[in-house]
């Protein structure tokens, strides 16, 4: 619940849109005596940075390849052109959340970018047409990091987590917004949205 999340993070209010920020930025050990406060990034600031993200489509050839890349990111054993890159603990936590989400049957229709030849009005209807493959690519490419956030007195980990959480919520929201309420894909998207909203409570 919202109150549970507030209590866990020293009374810092966490908006529904940014609940995953809590999971990504800090994860308290059960017997830990220290508590970390997670800042909520306001929507205007979030939008400013979102507009600077370049989502890379076509990076992956299969769902298995996406999940393997995310698992390698979390363990620091990444191969290929990304070998040697150093990822923060926040990126690793975000990758774990996305890998679990991709393991759900309900996420299958939300992984790949929408084919514009089949749905020509999709990219004019949906303002932020991000899909799970684009989020995975953004994690690998560290697209959620912006050095100038420090100049704005912002914590980089909080910004990474907030941008990731916003993108993760946007995928099923786009699907629900575009499709009819009676289609099976909308029910799948609603389940993904519920999973995403509840991930901070794990």
N, C-alpha and C. Protein backbone atom coordinates (compact mmCIF):
# COMPACT_ATOMS: atom_id res chain seq x y z
N UNK A 1 0.84 -1.19 0.00
CA UNK A 1 0.00 0.00 0.00
C UNK A 1 0.88 1.24 0.00
N UNK A 2 0.25 2.39 -0.27
CA UNK A 2 0.99 3.66 -0.31
C UNK A 2 1.60 3.98 1.04
N UNK A 3 0.84 3.74 2.13
CA UNK A 3 1.34 4.03 3.48
C UNK A 3 2.54 3.15 3.81
N UNK A 4 2.47 1.89 3.40
CA UNK A 4 3.58 0.96 3.64
C UNK A 4 4.85 1.48 2.99
N UNK A 5 4.73 1.98 1.78
CA UNK A 5 5.90 2.50 1.06
C UNK A 5 6.42 3.75 1.74
N UNK A 6 5.53 4.63 2.19
CA UNK A 6 5.97 5.84 2.88
C UNK A 6 6.77 5.48 4.14
N UNK A 7 6.23 4.53 4.93
CA UNK A 7 6.89 4.14 6.17
C UNK A 7 8.27 3.56 5.89
N UNK A 8 8.39 2.80 4.82
CA UNK A 8 9.65 2.14 4.51
C UNK A 8 10.71 3.14 4.12
N UNK A 9 10.32 4.29 3.59
CA UNK A 9 11.30 5.26 3.09
C UNK A 9 11.23 6.59 3.85
N UNK A 10 11.20 6.49 5.19
CA UNK A 10 11.30 7.66 6.06
C UNK A 10 10.26 8.74 5.77
N UNK A 11 9.08 8.33 5.41
CA UNK A 11 8.01 9.29 5.20
C UNK A 11 8.07 10.03 3.89
N UNK A 12 9.00 9.69 3.01
CA UNK A 12 9.07 10.35 1.71
C UNK A 12 7.90 9.90 0.86
N UNK A 13 7.02 10.80 0.42
CA UNK A 13 5.89 10.37 -0.40
C UNK A 13 6.36 9.85 -1.75
N UNK A 14 5.79 8.76 -2.19
CA UNK A 14 6.16 8.15 -3.46
C UNK A 14 4.93 8.11 -4.35
N UNK A 15 4.96 8.80 -5.46
CA UNK A 15 3.81 8.83 -6.35
C UNK A 15 3.62 7.46 -7.00
N UNK A 16 2.40 7.10 -7.40
CA UNK A 16 2.17 5.81 -8.05
C UNK A 16 3.03 5.63 -9.30
N UNK A 17 3.27 6.73 -10.04
CA UNK A 17 4.06 6.63 -11.27
C UNK A 17 5.51 6.26 -11.00
N UNK A 18 6.01 6.60 -9.80
CA UNK A 18 7.42 6.40 -9.52
C UNK A 18 7.67 5.35 -8.43
N UNK A 19 6.73 4.43 -8.23
CA UNK A 19 6.88 3.45 -7.16
C UNK A 19 8.11 2.57 -7.37
N UNK A 20 8.43 2.27 -8.60
CA UNK A 20 9.60 1.42 -8.86
C UNK A 20 10.90 2.11 -8.51
N UNK A 21 10.86 3.42 -8.35
CA UNK A 21 12.05 4.13 -7.91
C UNK A 21 12.55 3.55 -6.59
N UNK A 22 11.62 3.21 -5.72
CA UNK A 22 11.97 2.65 -4.42
C UNK A 22 12.75 1.35 -4.59
N UNK A 23 12.24 0.50 -5.44
CA UNK A 23 12.87 -0.80 -5.66
C UNK A 23 14.25 -0.64 -6.29
N UNK A 24 14.34 0.24 -7.28
CA UNK A 24 15.58 0.36 -8.04
C UNK A 24 16.68 1.08 -7.26
N UNK A 25 16.33 2.11 -6.51
CA UNK A 25 17.36 2.90 -5.85
C UNK A 25 17.87 2.24 -4.58
N UNK A 26 16.99 1.67 -3.80
CA UNK A 26 17.45 1.10 -2.53
C UNK A 26 16.62 -0.10 -2.16
N UNK A 27 17.26 -1.09 -1.62
CA UNK A 27 16.58 -2.30 -1.17
C UNK A 27 17.14 -2.61 0.21
N UNK A 28 16.34 -2.38 1.24
CA UNK A 28 16.81 -2.59 2.60
C UNK A 28 16.91 -4.07 2.92
N UNK A 29 17.97 -4.44 3.62
CA UNK A 29 18.09 -5.80 4.13
C UNK A 29 17.11 -5.95 5.29
N UNK A 30 16.56 -7.17 5.51
CA UNK A 30 15.55 -7.35 6.54
C UNK A 30 15.99 -6.88 7.93
N UNK A 31 17.26 -7.06 8.30
CA UNK A 31 17.71 -6.71 9.64
C UNK A 31 18.60 -5.47 9.65
N UNK A 32 18.52 -4.70 8.59
CA UNK A 32 19.36 -3.50 8.49
C UNK A 32 18.88 -2.42 9.46
N UNK A 33 19.80 -1.69 10.03
CA UNK A 33 19.43 -0.60 10.94
C UNK A 33 19.47 0.75 10.23
N UNK A 34 19.93 0.77 8.98
CA UNK A 34 19.98 2.02 8.24
C UNK A 34 18.82 2.10 7.27
N UNK A 35 18.38 3.31 7.01
CA UNK A 35 17.28 3.53 6.09
C UNK A 35 17.71 4.59 5.09
N UNK A 36 17.30 4.39 3.85
CA UNK A 36 17.66 5.33 2.79
C UNK A 36 16.41 6.04 2.29
N UNK A 37 16.50 7.33 2.13
CA UNK A 37 15.38 8.09 1.59
C UNK A 37 15.48 8.15 0.07
N UNK A 38 14.37 7.90 -0.58
CA UNK A 38 14.31 7.95 -2.03
C UNK A 38 13.55 9.20 -2.46
N UNK A 39 14.17 10.01 -3.26
CA UNK A 39 13.52 11.23 -3.73
C UNK A 39 12.59 10.93 -4.89
N UNK A 40 11.48 11.62 -4.94
CA UNK A 40 10.56 11.49 -6.07
C UNK A 40 10.91 12.58 -7.07
N UNK A 41 11.10 12.19 -8.30
CA UNK A 41 11.41 13.16 -9.36
C UNK A 41 10.09 13.73 -9.88
N UNK A 42 9.96 15.05 -9.91
CA UNK A 42 8.70 15.63 -10.37
C UNK A 42 8.52 15.38 -11.86
N UNK A 43 7.28 15.41 -12.30
CA UNK A 43 6.94 15.04 -13.68
C UNK A 43 7.58 15.95 -14.72
N UNK A 44 7.68 17.24 -14.43
CA UNK A 44 8.28 18.17 -15.39
C UNK A 44 9.75 17.84 -15.62
N UNK A 45 10.46 17.55 -14.53
CA UNK A 45 11.88 17.18 -14.65
C UNK A 45 12.03 15.87 -15.38
N UNK A 46 11.16 14.92 -15.04
CA UNK A 46 11.19 13.61 -15.69
C UNK A 46 11.00 13.75 -17.20
N UNK A 47 10.03 14.57 -17.59
CA UNK A 47 9.75 14.76 -19.01
C UNK A 47 10.93 15.40 -19.74
N UNK A 48 11.61 16.32 -19.07
CA UNK A 48 12.76 16.99 -19.67
C UNK A 48 13.83 15.98 -20.05
N UNK A 49 14.10 15.04 -19.15
CA UNK A 49 15.13 14.04 -19.42
C UNK A 49 14.62 12.94 -20.37
N UNK A 50 13.34 12.61 -20.28
CA UNK A 50 12.78 11.60 -21.18
C UNK A 50 12.94 11.99 -22.64
N UNK A 51 12.79 13.25 -22.92
CA UNK A 51 12.89 13.74 -24.29
C UNK A 51 14.29 13.58 -24.87
N UNK A 52 15.27 13.34 -24.01
CA UNK A 52 16.67 13.21 -24.46
C UNK A 52 17.09 11.75 -24.66
N UNK A 53 16.19 10.80 -24.34
CA UNK A 53 16.53 9.39 -24.47
C UNK A 53 16.32 8.94 -25.91
N UNK A 54 17.32 8.26 -26.47
CA UNK A 54 17.20 7.70 -27.82
C UNK A 54 17.03 6.19 -27.69
N UNK A 55 15.79 5.72 -27.89
CA UNK A 55 15.52 4.29 -27.76
C UNK A 55 16.05 3.56 -28.99
N UNK A 56 16.84 2.53 -28.74
CA UNK A 56 17.46 1.78 -29.83
C UNK A 56 16.66 0.52 -30.12
N UNK A 57 16.02 0.49 -31.28
CA UNK A 57 15.31 -0.71 -31.71
C UNK A 57 16.22 -1.55 -32.58
N UNK A 58 15.96 -2.84 -32.63
CA UNK A 58 16.75 -3.74 -33.47
C UNK A 58 18.03 -4.23 -32.84
N UNK A 59 18.24 -3.95 -31.55
CA UNK A 59 19.45 -4.40 -30.87
C UNK A 59 19.40 -5.90 -30.60
N UNK A 60 18.20 -6.42 -30.34
CA UNK A 60 18.04 -7.84 -30.00
C UNK A 60 17.30 -8.59 -31.09
N UNK A 61 17.61 -9.89 -31.22
CA UNK A 61 16.97 -10.73 -32.22
C UNK A 61 15.90 -11.65 -31.64
N UNK A 62 15.94 -11.85 -30.31
CA UNK A 62 14.98 -12.76 -29.68
C UNK A 62 14.76 -12.37 -28.23
N UNK A 63 13.67 -12.89 -27.65
CA UNK A 63 13.38 -12.64 -26.24
C UNK A 63 14.49 -13.24 -25.36
N UNK A 64 14.97 -14.41 -25.77
CA UNK A 64 16.04 -15.08 -25.01
C UNK A 64 17.28 -14.19 -24.96
N UNK A 65 17.59 -13.55 -26.06
CA UNK A 65 18.77 -12.68 -26.11
C UNK A 65 18.61 -11.47 -25.18
N UNK A 66 17.40 -10.93 -25.11
CA UNK A 66 17.14 -9.80 -24.21
C UNK A 66 17.37 -10.22 -22.76
N UNK A 67 16.75 -11.34 -22.38
CA UNK A 67 16.85 -11.81 -21.00
C UNK A 67 18.29 -12.17 -20.63
N UNK A 68 19.00 -12.81 -21.55
CA UNK A 68 20.41 -13.15 -21.29
C UNK A 68 21.24 -11.89 -21.08
N UNK A 69 21.01 -10.88 -21.89
CA UNK A 69 21.75 -9.62 -21.76
C UNK A 69 21.46 -8.95 -20.42
N UNK A 70 20.20 -8.98 -20.00
CA UNK A 70 19.83 -8.38 -18.72
C UNK A 70 20.46 -9.15 -17.56
N UNK A 71 20.46 -10.47 -17.66
CA UNK A 71 21.08 -11.29 -16.61
C UNK A 71 22.58 -11.06 -16.54
N UNK A 72 23.22 -10.90 -17.70
CA UNK A 72 24.65 -10.61 -17.72
C UNK A 72 24.93 -9.24 -17.11
N UNK A 73 24.05 -8.29 -17.37
CA UNK A 73 24.21 -6.95 -16.80
C UNK A 73 24.16 -7.01 -15.28
N UNK A 74 23.23 -7.79 -14.74
CA UNK A 74 23.08 -7.85 -13.28
C UNK A 74 24.26 -8.53 -12.60
N UNK A 75 24.93 -9.44 -13.31
CA UNK A 75 26.06 -10.17 -12.71
C UNK A 75 27.42 -9.58 -13.09
N UNK A 76 27.42 -8.60 -13.99
CA UNK A 76 28.68 -7.98 -14.40
C UNK A 76 29.50 -8.86 -15.33
N UNK A 77 28.83 -9.81 -16.01
CA UNK A 77 29.54 -10.72 -16.92
C UNK A 77 29.11 -10.48 -18.36
N UNK A 78 28.83 -9.25 -18.68
CA UNK A 78 28.30 -8.93 -20.00
C UNK A 78 29.35 -9.17 -21.08
N UNK A 79 28.88 -9.64 -22.25
CA UNK A 79 29.79 -10.02 -23.33
C UNK A 79 29.58 -9.13 -24.55
N UNK A 80 30.40 -9.34 -25.55
CA UNK A 80 30.25 -8.61 -26.82
C UNK A 80 30.68 -7.16 -26.72
N UNK A 81 29.99 -6.30 -27.45
CA UNK A 81 30.40 -4.89 -27.52
C UNK A 81 30.21 -4.16 -26.20
N UNK A 82 29.44 -4.72 -25.27
CA UNK A 82 29.22 -4.07 -23.98
C UNK A 82 30.16 -4.60 -22.90
N UNK A 83 31.02 -5.54 -23.25
CA UNK A 83 31.97 -6.11 -22.29
C UNK A 83 32.85 -5.00 -21.73
N UNK A 84 33.07 -5.05 -20.44
CA UNK A 84 33.94 -4.06 -19.80
C UNK A 84 33.21 -2.85 -19.26
N UNK A 85 31.95 -2.67 -19.64
CA UNK A 85 31.20 -1.54 -19.11
C UNK A 85 30.89 -1.78 -17.63
N UNK A 86 30.88 -0.71 -16.87
CA UNK A 86 30.56 -0.79 -15.45
C UNK A 86 29.17 -0.22 -15.24
N UNK A 87 28.31 -1.04 -14.64
CA UNK A 87 26.93 -0.62 -14.38
C UNK A 87 26.71 -0.44 -12.89
N UNK A 88 26.02 0.62 -12.53
CA UNK A 88 25.74 0.90 -11.12
C UNK A 88 24.77 -0.14 -10.57
N UNK A 89 24.67 -0.19 -9.26
CA UNK A 89 23.74 -1.11 -8.62
C UNK A 89 22.30 -0.80 -9.02
N UNK A 90 22.00 0.46 -9.29
CA UNK A 90 20.66 0.84 -9.73
C UNK A 90 20.34 0.21 -11.08
N UNK A 91 21.28 0.28 -12.02
CA UNK A 91 21.06 -0.35 -13.32
C UNK A 91 20.86 -1.86 -13.17
N UNK A 92 21.61 -2.47 -12.28
CA UNK A 92 21.49 -3.91 -12.07
C UNK A 92 20.12 -4.27 -11.50
N UNK A 93 19.64 -3.46 -10.57
CA UNK A 93 18.32 -3.71 -9.99
C UNK A 93 17.22 -3.51 -11.02
N UNK A 94 17.35 -2.48 -11.83
CA UNK A 94 16.37 -2.24 -12.89
C UNK A 94 16.36 -3.42 -13.88
N UNK A 95 17.53 -3.93 -14.21
CA UNK A 95 17.63 -5.06 -15.14
C UNK A 95 16.96 -6.29 -14.56
N UNK A 96 17.10 -6.50 -13.25
CA UNK A 96 16.44 -7.65 -12.62
C UNK A 96 14.92 -7.53 -12.69
N UNK A 97 14.41 -6.33 -12.45
CA UNK A 97 12.96 -6.10 -12.53
C UNK A 97 12.46 -6.39 -13.94
N UNK A 98 13.15 -5.86 -14.94
CA UNK A 98 12.72 -6.05 -16.33
C UNK A 98 12.82 -7.51 -16.74
N UNK A 99 13.87 -8.21 -16.32
CA UNK A 99 14.01 -9.63 -16.67
C UNK A 99 12.86 -10.44 -16.09
N UNK A 100 12.46 -10.13 -14.86
CA UNK A 100 11.32 -10.84 -14.26
C UNK A 100 10.03 -10.54 -15.01
N UNK A 101 9.87 -9.29 -15.41
CA UNK A 101 8.67 -8.90 -16.15
C UNK A 101 8.60 -9.61 -17.49
N UNK A 102 9.74 -9.71 -18.16
CA UNK A 102 9.78 -10.40 -19.46
C UNK A 102 9.51 -11.89 -19.33
N UNK A 103 9.66 -12.43 -18.13
CA UNK A 103 9.38 -13.84 -17.90
C UNK A 103 7.89 -14.14 -17.79
N UNK A 104 7.06 -13.11 -17.70
CA UNK A 104 5.62 -13.31 -17.62
C UNK A 104 5.03 -13.54 -19.00
N UNK A 105 4.09 -14.46 -19.10
CA UNK A 105 3.41 -14.70 -20.38
C UNK A 105 2.69 -13.45 -20.87
N UNK A 106 2.18 -12.64 -19.94
CA UNK A 106 1.41 -11.45 -20.31
C UNK A 106 2.25 -10.39 -21.01
N UNK A 107 3.56 -10.48 -20.89
CA UNK A 107 4.42 -9.44 -21.48
C UNK A 107 4.77 -9.70 -22.94
N UNK A 108 4.43 -10.86 -23.46
CA UNK A 108 4.87 -11.27 -24.80
C UNK A 108 4.51 -10.26 -25.90
N UNK A 109 3.31 -9.71 -25.84
CA UNK A 109 2.88 -8.78 -26.89
C UNK A 109 3.36 -7.35 -26.68
N UNK A 110 4.13 -7.13 -25.62
CA UNK A 110 4.60 -5.77 -25.32
C UNK A 110 6.11 -5.63 -25.44
N UNK A 111 6.75 -6.67 -25.96
CA UNK A 111 8.22 -6.66 -26.02
C UNK A 111 8.74 -5.87 -27.21
N UNK A 112 8.21 -6.16 -28.39
CA UNK A 112 8.79 -5.61 -29.62
C UNK A 112 8.06 -4.36 -30.08
N UNK A 113 8.78 -3.53 -30.81
CA UNK A 113 8.19 -2.30 -31.34
C UNK A 113 7.03 -2.63 -32.28
N UNK A 114 6.05 -1.75 -32.30
CA UNK A 114 4.85 -1.93 -33.12
C UNK A 114 5.19 -1.70 -34.59
N UNK A 115 4.73 -2.60 -35.45
CA UNK A 115 4.97 -2.52 -36.89
C UNK A 115 4.11 -1.40 -37.49
N UNK A 116 4.76 -0.35 -37.96
CA UNK A 116 4.04 0.80 -38.51
C UNK A 116 3.27 0.47 -39.77
N UNK A 117 3.71 -0.56 -40.50
CA UNK A 117 2.98 -0.93 -41.73
C UNK A 117 1.65 -1.61 -41.40
N UNK A 118 1.56 -2.26 -40.25
CA UNK A 118 0.32 -2.90 -39.83
C UNK A 118 -0.58 -1.94 -39.05
N UNK A 119 0.04 -1.03 -38.31
CA UNK A 119 -0.71 -0.07 -37.49
C UNK A 119 -0.19 1.33 -37.78
N UNK A 120 -0.56 1.88 -38.94
CA UNK A 120 0.02 3.15 -39.39
C UNK A 120 -0.26 4.35 -38.49
N UNK A 121 -1.34 4.29 -37.73
CA UNK A 121 -1.67 5.44 -36.87
C UNK A 121 -1.07 5.34 -35.46
N UNK A 122 -0.40 4.23 -35.18
CA UNK A 122 0.12 4.03 -33.82
C UNK A 122 1.09 5.14 -33.41
N UNK A 123 2.02 5.46 -34.30
CA UNK A 123 3.08 6.41 -33.95
C UNK A 123 2.63 7.86 -33.99
N UNK A 124 1.43 8.09 -34.50
CA UNK A 124 0.86 9.44 -34.41
C UNK A 124 -0.10 9.55 -33.22
N UNK A 125 -0.60 8.41 -32.77
CA UNK A 125 -1.52 8.37 -31.63
C UNK A 125 -0.78 8.33 -30.30
N UNK A 126 0.29 7.54 -30.24
CA UNK A 126 1.05 7.34 -29.01
C UNK A 126 2.24 8.28 -28.98
N UNK A 127 2.30 9.12 -27.97
CA UNK A 127 3.35 10.14 -27.86
C UNK A 127 4.70 9.53 -27.53
N UNK A 128 4.73 8.57 -26.60
CA UNK A 128 5.99 7.92 -26.20
C UNK A 128 5.88 6.43 -26.50
N UNK A 129 6.16 6.01 -27.72
CA UNK A 129 5.97 4.61 -28.13
C UNK A 129 7.10 3.67 -27.71
N UNK A 130 7.37 3.62 -26.41
CA UNK A 130 8.44 2.77 -25.92
C UNK A 130 7.91 1.35 -25.69
N UNK A 131 8.75 0.35 -25.98
CA UNK A 131 8.42 -1.05 -25.73
C UNK A 131 9.53 -1.65 -24.86
N UNK A 132 9.30 -2.88 -24.36
CA UNK A 132 10.27 -3.48 -23.44
C UNK A 132 11.66 -3.66 -24.07
N UNK A 133 11.70 -3.94 -25.37
CA UNK A 133 13.01 -4.09 -26.02
C UNK A 133 13.79 -2.77 -25.99
N UNK A 134 13.08 -1.65 -26.12
CA UNK A 134 13.72 -0.34 -26.05
C UNK A 134 14.24 -0.03 -24.66
N UNK A 135 13.50 -0.48 -23.64
CA UNK A 135 13.93 -0.27 -22.26
C UNK A 135 15.19 -1.09 -21.98
N UNK A 136 15.20 -2.35 -22.44
CA UNK A 136 16.38 -3.21 -22.25
C UNK A 136 17.60 -2.58 -22.92
N UNK A 137 17.42 -2.06 -24.13
CA UNK A 137 18.52 -1.40 -24.84
C UNK A 137 18.98 -0.16 -24.10
N UNK A 138 18.05 0.57 -23.51
CA UNK A 138 18.39 1.78 -22.76
C UNK A 138 19.21 1.44 -21.52
N UNK A 139 18.89 0.31 -20.88
CA UNK A 139 19.69 -0.12 -19.73
C UNK A 139 21.10 -0.48 -20.16
N UNK A 140 21.22 -1.27 -21.23
CA UNK A 140 22.54 -1.68 -21.72
C UNK A 140 23.38 -0.49 -22.13
N UNK A 141 22.74 0.49 -22.78
CA UNK A 141 23.45 1.67 -23.28
C UNK A 141 23.56 2.79 -22.24
N UNK A 142 23.05 2.53 -21.03
CA UNK A 142 23.07 3.52 -19.95
C UNK A 142 22.45 4.84 -20.39
N UNK A 143 21.33 4.72 -21.09
CA UNK A 143 20.63 5.89 -21.62
C UNK A 143 19.89 6.68 -20.55
N UNK A 144 19.75 6.11 -19.36
CA UNK A 144 19.06 6.82 -18.29
C UNK A 144 19.99 7.68 -17.45
N UNK A 145 21.26 7.72 -17.81
CA UNK A 145 22.25 8.51 -17.08
C UNK A 145 22.50 9.83 -17.79
N UNK A 146 22.46 10.91 -17.03
CA UNK A 146 22.71 12.24 -17.57
C UNK A 146 23.63 12.99 -16.61
N UNK A 147 24.90 13.18 -16.98
CA UNK A 147 25.86 13.84 -16.07
C UNK A 147 25.40 15.20 -15.57
N UNK A 148 24.63 15.94 -16.39
CA UNK A 148 24.22 17.27 -15.97
C UNK A 148 23.15 17.26 -14.89
N UNK A 149 22.64 16.07 -14.52
CA UNK A 149 21.66 16.05 -13.41
C UNK A 149 22.33 16.48 -12.11
N UNK A 150 23.64 16.25 -12.01
CA UNK A 150 24.38 16.66 -10.81
C UNK A 150 24.35 18.18 -10.68
N UNK A 151 24.42 18.87 -11.84
CA UNK A 151 24.37 20.34 -11.82
C UNK A 151 23.03 20.85 -11.31
N UNK A 152 22.00 20.01 -11.40
CA UNK A 152 20.67 20.39 -10.92
C UNK A 152 20.44 19.91 -9.49
N UNK A 153 21.51 19.49 -8.84
CA UNK A 153 21.43 18.96 -7.48
C UNK A 153 20.51 17.75 -7.39
N UNK A 154 20.58 16.90 -8.41
CA UNK A 154 19.78 15.69 -8.42
C UNK A 154 20.68 14.48 -8.23
N UNK A 155 20.17 13.48 -7.54
CA UNK A 155 20.89 12.24 -7.37
C UNK A 155 20.75 11.41 -8.64
N UNK A 156 21.87 10.99 -9.23
CA UNK A 156 21.83 10.28 -10.50
C UNK A 156 21.08 8.96 -10.39
N UNK A 157 21.28 8.22 -9.31
CA UNK A 157 20.58 6.95 -9.14
C UNK A 157 19.07 7.13 -9.09
N UNK A 158 18.62 8.19 -8.43
CA UNK A 158 17.18 8.47 -8.36
C UNK A 158 16.62 8.78 -9.74
N UNK A 159 17.39 9.53 -10.53
CA UNK A 159 16.93 9.86 -11.88
C UNK A 159 16.87 8.62 -12.75
N UNK A 160 17.90 7.79 -12.71
CA UNK A 160 17.92 6.54 -13.49
C UNK A 160 16.70 5.70 -13.14
N UNK A 161 16.45 5.53 -11.85
CA UNK A 161 15.34 4.71 -11.41
C UNK A 161 14.00 5.30 -11.82
N UNK A 162 13.85 6.60 -11.71
CA UNK A 162 12.59 7.25 -12.07
C UNK A 162 12.31 7.15 -13.56
N UNK A 163 13.34 7.36 -14.38
CA UNK A 163 13.17 7.24 -15.83
C UNK A 163 12.82 5.80 -16.22
N UNK A 164 13.50 4.84 -15.62
CA UNK A 164 13.21 3.43 -15.88
C UNK A 164 11.78 3.09 -15.47
N UNK A 165 11.38 3.51 -14.27
CA UNK A 165 10.04 3.22 -13.77
C UNK A 165 8.97 3.83 -14.66
N UNK A 166 9.21 5.06 -15.10
CA UNK A 166 8.26 5.73 -15.98
C UNK A 166 8.11 4.99 -17.30
N UNK A 167 9.23 4.56 -17.88
CA UNK A 167 9.18 3.80 -19.13
C UNK A 167 8.46 2.48 -18.95
N UNK A 168 8.74 1.81 -17.84
CA UNK A 168 8.13 0.51 -17.59
C UNK A 168 6.61 0.63 -17.48
N UNK A 169 6.13 1.70 -16.86
CA UNK A 169 4.69 1.94 -16.75
C UNK A 169 4.11 2.34 -18.10
N UNK A 170 4.90 3.05 -18.91
CA UNK A 170 4.40 3.59 -20.16
C UNK A 170 4.03 2.49 -21.17
N UNK A 171 4.76 1.38 -21.15
CA UNK A 171 4.52 0.31 -22.13
C UNK A 171 3.09 -0.21 -22.05
N UNK A 172 2.62 -0.71 -20.90
CA UNK A 172 1.23 -1.19 -20.87
C UNK A 172 0.22 -0.06 -21.01
N UNK A 173 0.55 1.13 -20.51
CA UNK A 173 -0.37 2.26 -20.65
C UNK A 173 -0.60 2.57 -22.13
N UNK A 174 0.47 2.53 -22.93
CA UNK A 174 0.32 2.76 -24.38
C UNK A 174 -0.60 1.73 -25.01
N UNK A 175 -0.42 0.48 -24.62
CA UNK A 175 -1.22 -0.60 -25.17
C UNK A 175 -2.70 -0.42 -24.84
N UNK A 176 -2.97 -0.09 -23.59
CA UNK A 176 -4.35 0.11 -23.14
C UNK A 176 -4.96 1.32 -23.84
N UNK A 177 -4.17 2.38 -24.01
CA UNK A 177 -4.66 3.61 -24.65
C UNK A 177 -5.00 3.39 -26.12
N UNK A 178 -4.20 2.58 -26.80
CA UNK A 178 -4.37 2.42 -28.25
C UNK A 178 -5.44 1.40 -28.63
N UNK A 179 -5.53 0.32 -27.86
CA UNK A 179 -6.40 -0.79 -28.24
C UNK A 179 -7.78 -0.69 -27.60
N UNK A 180 -8.69 -1.47 -28.16
CA UNK A 180 -10.04 -1.57 -27.61
C UNK A 180 -9.99 -2.28 -26.26
N UNK A 181 -10.91 -1.93 -25.38
CA UNK A 181 -10.94 -2.53 -24.04
C UNK A 181 -11.24 -4.03 -24.07
N UNK A 182 -11.84 -4.52 -25.15
CA UNK A 182 -12.26 -5.92 -25.17
C UNK A 182 -11.21 -6.86 -25.75
N UNK A 183 -10.10 -6.33 -26.19
CA UNK A 183 -9.08 -7.20 -26.81
C UNK A 183 -8.25 -7.91 -25.75
N UNK A 184 -7.81 -9.15 -26.03
CA UNK A 184 -6.99 -9.89 -25.07
C UNK A 184 -5.69 -9.18 -24.71
N UNK A 185 -5.11 -8.45 -25.66
CA UNK A 185 -3.83 -7.78 -25.39
C UNK A 185 -3.98 -6.71 -24.32
N UNK A 186 -5.16 -6.12 -24.21
CA UNK A 186 -5.40 -5.11 -23.17
C UNK A 186 -5.41 -5.77 -21.80
N UNK A 187 -6.02 -6.94 -21.69
CA UNK A 187 -6.02 -7.68 -20.42
C UNK A 187 -4.60 -8.04 -20.02
N UNK A 188 -3.79 -8.44 -21.00
CA UNK A 188 -2.38 -8.75 -20.73
C UNK A 188 -1.64 -7.50 -20.26
N UNK A 189 -1.90 -6.39 -20.92
CA UNK A 189 -1.25 -5.13 -20.54
C UNK A 189 -1.65 -4.70 -19.14
N UNK A 190 -2.92 -4.90 -18.79
CA UNK A 190 -3.39 -4.55 -17.45
C UNK A 190 -2.67 -5.39 -16.39
N UNK A 191 -2.46 -6.67 -16.69
CA UNK A 191 -1.72 -7.53 -15.76
C UNK A 191 -0.28 -7.06 -15.60
N UNK A 192 0.35 -6.66 -16.71
CA UNK A 192 1.73 -6.15 -16.66
C UNK A 192 1.78 -4.85 -15.85
N UNK A 193 0.76 -4.02 -16.00
CA UNK A 193 0.69 -2.77 -15.26
C UNK A 193 0.57 -3.04 -13.76
N UNK A 194 -0.25 -4.02 -13.41
CA UNK A 194 -0.40 -4.39 -11.99
C UNK A 194 0.91 -4.93 -11.44
N UNK A 195 1.58 -5.77 -12.23
CA UNK A 195 2.86 -6.33 -11.78
C UNK A 195 3.87 -5.21 -11.56
N UNK A 196 3.91 -4.28 -12.51
CA UNK A 196 4.86 -3.16 -12.43
C UNK A 196 4.57 -2.31 -11.19
N UNK A 197 3.29 -2.03 -10.93
CA UNK A 197 2.91 -1.21 -9.79
C UNK A 197 3.23 -1.89 -8.46
N UNK A 198 3.12 -3.22 -8.44
CA UNK A 198 3.36 -3.97 -7.20
C UNK A 198 4.80 -4.37 -6.98
N UNK A 199 5.66 -4.15 -7.97
CA UNK A 199 7.04 -4.62 -7.86
C UNK A 199 7.77 -4.01 -6.68
N UNK A 200 7.43 -2.80 -6.30
CA UNK A 200 8.10 -2.14 -5.17
C UNK A 200 7.78 -2.80 -3.84
N UNK A 201 6.72 -3.59 -3.80
CA UNK A 201 6.34 -4.22 -2.53
C UNK A 201 7.05 -5.54 -2.30
N UNK A 202 7.83 -6.04 -3.29
CA UNK A 202 8.48 -7.34 -3.15
C UNK A 202 9.62 -7.27 -2.15
